[in-house]
Amino acid sequence: MTALLQCTDTLDLRPALRKAHKPMKTPLLSATAVALLALTACQSKTETTTVNSSTTENTTTAVLPPVELPPAIKAEVTFRCHGDNSLVKVTFFEADKAGLDSASVQSPPDASPVTLKAAEAGKPMTADGGWSLSGTEKSIKLAQPGKPEQACDK
């Protein structure tokens, strides 16, 4: 029985496996480094590309007219009109290149806007349907379709 115990004691491979693990890390690491080096060497090819040195002009943008920006907003004011006690929202725009004024009117303030433009400098701004507006950011005179002209203040 003692011979059997001695036999099992000598067959214990755990110490041998621990020793075998340590040397395996180094060859595996060096093999990985060699493989990566070989792959990067494959990618190092240089390509020479020749580009035609003649200059070409882009003629598509030369044909387009210059872009004109919309007018900037000068003031946005809500007025109370004296005739029917209604509210009107008016957005005054900066004068265009020709010096003509324009404005956007919403009556009532949640309605869709109507754009009015002056035909000549100093004249009232008008729009189709009987719209007319004259005045400043402090007080205006407004004529709407189906209504007589009325004064409106802030």
Protein backbone atom coordinates (compact mmCIF):
# COMPACT_ATOMS: atom_id res chain seq x y z
CA MET A 1 0.00 0.00 0.00
CA THR A 2 2.85 2.33 0.66
CA ALA A 3 4.11 1.58 -2.82
CA LEU A 4 0.77 2.68 -4.26
CA LEU A 5 0.88 5.97 -2.36
CA GLN A 6 4.34 6.62 -3.58
CA CYS A 7 3.21 5.94 -7.09
CA THR A 8 0.40 8.50 -6.91
CA ASP A 9 2.72 11.04 -5.32
CA THR A 10 5.09 10.80 -8.22
CA LEU A 11 2.32 11.21 -10.80
CA ASP A 12 1.32 14.68 -9.59
CA LEU A 13 1.80 16.89 -12.66
CA ARG A 14 0.73 20.25 -11.18
CA PRO A 15 4.24 21.52 -10.49
CA ALA A 16 5.31 20.59 -14.00
CA LEU A 17 2.37 22.41 -15.54
CA ARG A 18 3.13 25.57 -13.56
CA LYS A 19 6.67 25.56 -14.85
CA ALA A 20 5.51 24.90 -18.42
CA HIS A 21 3.12 27.89 -18.41
CA LYS A 22 5.80 30.50 -17.84
CA PRO A 23 8.03 29.67 -20.83
CA MET A 24 5.00 29.50 -23.19
CA LYS A 25 4.16 33.19 -22.76
CA THR A 26 7.39 34.41 -24.30
CA PRO A 27 7.27 32.40 -27.58
CA LEU A 28 3.60 33.28 -28.06
CA LEU A 29 4.30 36.98 -27.56
CA SER A 30 7.26 36.96 -29.92
CA ALA A 31 5.28 35.04 -32.58
CA THR A 32 2.51 37.67 -32.40
CA ALA A 33 5.04 40.48 -32.78
CA VAL A 34 6.61 38.82 -35.84
CA ALA A 35 3.19 38.33 -37.47
CA LEU A 36 2.25 42.00 -36.90
CA LEU A 37 5.57 43.14 -38.28
CA ALA A 38 5.04 41.06 -41.41
CA LEU A 39 1.56 42.51 -41.90
CA THR A 40 2.73 46.10 -41.58
CA ALA A 41 5.50 45.42 -44.07
CA CYS A 42 2.85 44.40 -46.62
CA GLN A 43 1.02 47.72 -46.20
CA SER A 44 4.07 49.92 -46.75
CA LYS A 45 3.80 50.02 -50.55
CA THR A 46 3.94 53.55 -51.85
CA GLU A 47 1.76 54.52 -54.77
CA THR A 48 2.58 57.37 -57.08
CA THR A 49 -0.41 59.17 -58.53
CA THR A 50 0.05 61.71 -61.26
CA VAL A 51 -2.46 64.52 -61.46
CA ASN A 52 -2.98 66.55 -64.60
CA SER A 53 -1.46 69.92 -63.80
CA SER A 54 -3.65 71.88 -66.19
CA THR A 55 -6.07 74.24 -64.46
CA THR A 56 -9.78 74.04 -65.14
CA GLU A 57 -12.23 76.72 -64.14
CA ASN A 58 -15.61 76.00 -62.64
CA THR A 59 -17.95 77.73 -65.07
CA THR A 60 -21.22 76.64 -63.42
CA THR A 61 -21.02 79.23 -60.64
CA ALA A 62 -20.10 82.05 -63.02
CA VAL A 63 -23.49 81.73 -64.77
CA LEU A 64 -25.63 82.03 -61.62
CA PRO A 65 -26.89 85.48 -60.59
CA PRO A 66 -25.78 86.83 -57.21
CA VAL A 67 -27.92 85.79 -54.27
CA GLU A 68 -29.98 88.54 -52.67
CA LEU A 69 -30.73 88.12 -48.99
CA PRO A 70 -34.18 88.89 -47.61
CA PRO A 71 -34.52 92.20 -45.78
CA ALA A 72 -33.53 92.32 -42.13
CA ILE A 73 -36.23 92.80 -39.49
CA LYS A 74 -36.20 96.37 -38.17
CA ALA A 75 -38.99 96.01 -35.56
CA GLU A 76 -41.85 93.73 -34.64
CA VAL A 77 -44.74 95.52 -32.93
CA THR A 78 -48.27 94.65 -31.82
CA PHE A 79 -50.72 97.55 -32.27
CA ARG A 80 -54.22 98.22 -30.88
CA CYS A 81 -56.44 99.80 -33.54
CA HIS A 82 -58.88 102.55 -32.44
CA GLY A 83 -61.69 101.85 -34.90
CA ASP A 84 -62.67 98.31 -33.92
CA ASN A 85 -60.31 97.76 -30.92
CA SER A 86 -58.57 94.90 -32.75
CA LEU A 87 -54.96 93.74 -32.39
CA VAL A 88 -52.58 93.83 -35.34
CA LYS A 89 -49.03 92.44 -35.43
CA VAL A 90 -46.70 94.29 -37.80
CA THR A 91 -43.13 93.31 -38.69
CA PHE A 92 -41.20 96.23 -40.20
CA PHE A 93 -38.28 95.35 -42.50
CA GLU A 94 -35.21 97.40 -43.39
CA ALA A 95 -35.50 99.30 -46.69
CA ASP A 96 -34.22 97.44 -49.75
CA LYS A 97 -31.47 98.67 -52.09
CA ALA A 98 -33.88 101.04 -53.82
CA GLY A 99 -34.91 102.55 -50.47
CA LEU A 100 -38.40 101.03 -50.56
CA ASP A 101 -40.02 99.99 -47.27
CA SER A 102 -41.84 96.74 -46.63
CA ALA A 103 -43.75 95.19 -43.76
CA SER A 104 -45.62 92.06 -42.84
CA VAL A 105 -49.09 92.41 -41.25
CA GLN A 106 -51.00 89.80 -39.26
CA SER A 107 -54.57 90.72 -38.38
CA PRO A 108 -55.50 89.08 -36.00
CA PRO A 109 -51.99 88.33 -34.66
CA ASP A 110 -52.38 84.56 -35.18
CA ALA A 111 -53.47 84.90 -38.84
CA SER A 112 -51.15 84.22 -41.76
CA PRO A 113 -49.00 87.26 -42.63
CA VAL A 114 -49.60 89.58 -45.58
CA THR A 115 -46.52 91.29 -47.06
CA LEU A 116 -46.94 94.95 -48.00
CA LYS A 117 -44.40 96.88 -50.10
CA ALA A 118 -44.06 100.53 -51.00
CA ALA A 119 -44.23 101.31 -54.72
CA GLU A 120 -42.16 104.50 -54.25
CA ALA A 121 -40.06 105.87 -51.42
CA GLY A 122 -42.24 107.80 -48.95
CA LYS A 123 -45.50 106.29 -50.22
CA PRO A 124 -47.73 103.93 -48.17
CA MET A 125 -47.02 100.21 -48.37
CA THR A 126 -49.72 98.25 -50.21
CA ALA A 127 -50.69 94.70 -51.08
CA ASP A 128 -53.33 93.08 -53.29
CA GLY A 129 -56.86 92.99 -51.95
CA GLY A 130 -57.03 96.50 -50.48
CA TRP A 131 -54.26 96.43 -47.88
CA SER A 132 -52.52 99.74 -47.09
CA LEU A 133 -50.08 100.65 -44.29
CA SER A 134 -48.31 103.89 -43.43
CA GLY A 135 -46.55 105.05 -40.30
CA THR A 136 -43.68 104.07 -38.01
CA GLU A 137 -42.97 101.62 -35.20
CA LYS A 138 -44.90 103.90 -32.80
CA SER A 139 -48.18 104.40 -34.67
CA ILE A 140 -49.65 103.35 -38.01
CA LYS A 141 -52.62 103.88 -40.27
CA LEU A 142 -53.93 100.58 -41.59
CA ALA A 143 -56.56 99.81 -44.22
CA GLN A 144 -57.66 96.17 -44.47
CA PRO A 145 -59.96 94.51 -47.00
CA GLY A 146 -63.57 95.20 -46.04
CA LYS A 147 -62.63 97.69 -43.30
CA PRO A 148 -62.09 101.47 -43.38
CA GLU A 149 -58.66 102.93 -42.65
CA GLN A 150 -57.99 103.19 -38.91
CA ALA A 151 -55.26 104.52 -36.65
CA CYS A 152 -53.38 102.03 -34.48
CA ASP A 153 -50.99 102.64 -31.56
CA LYS A 154 -48.72 100.54 -29.39
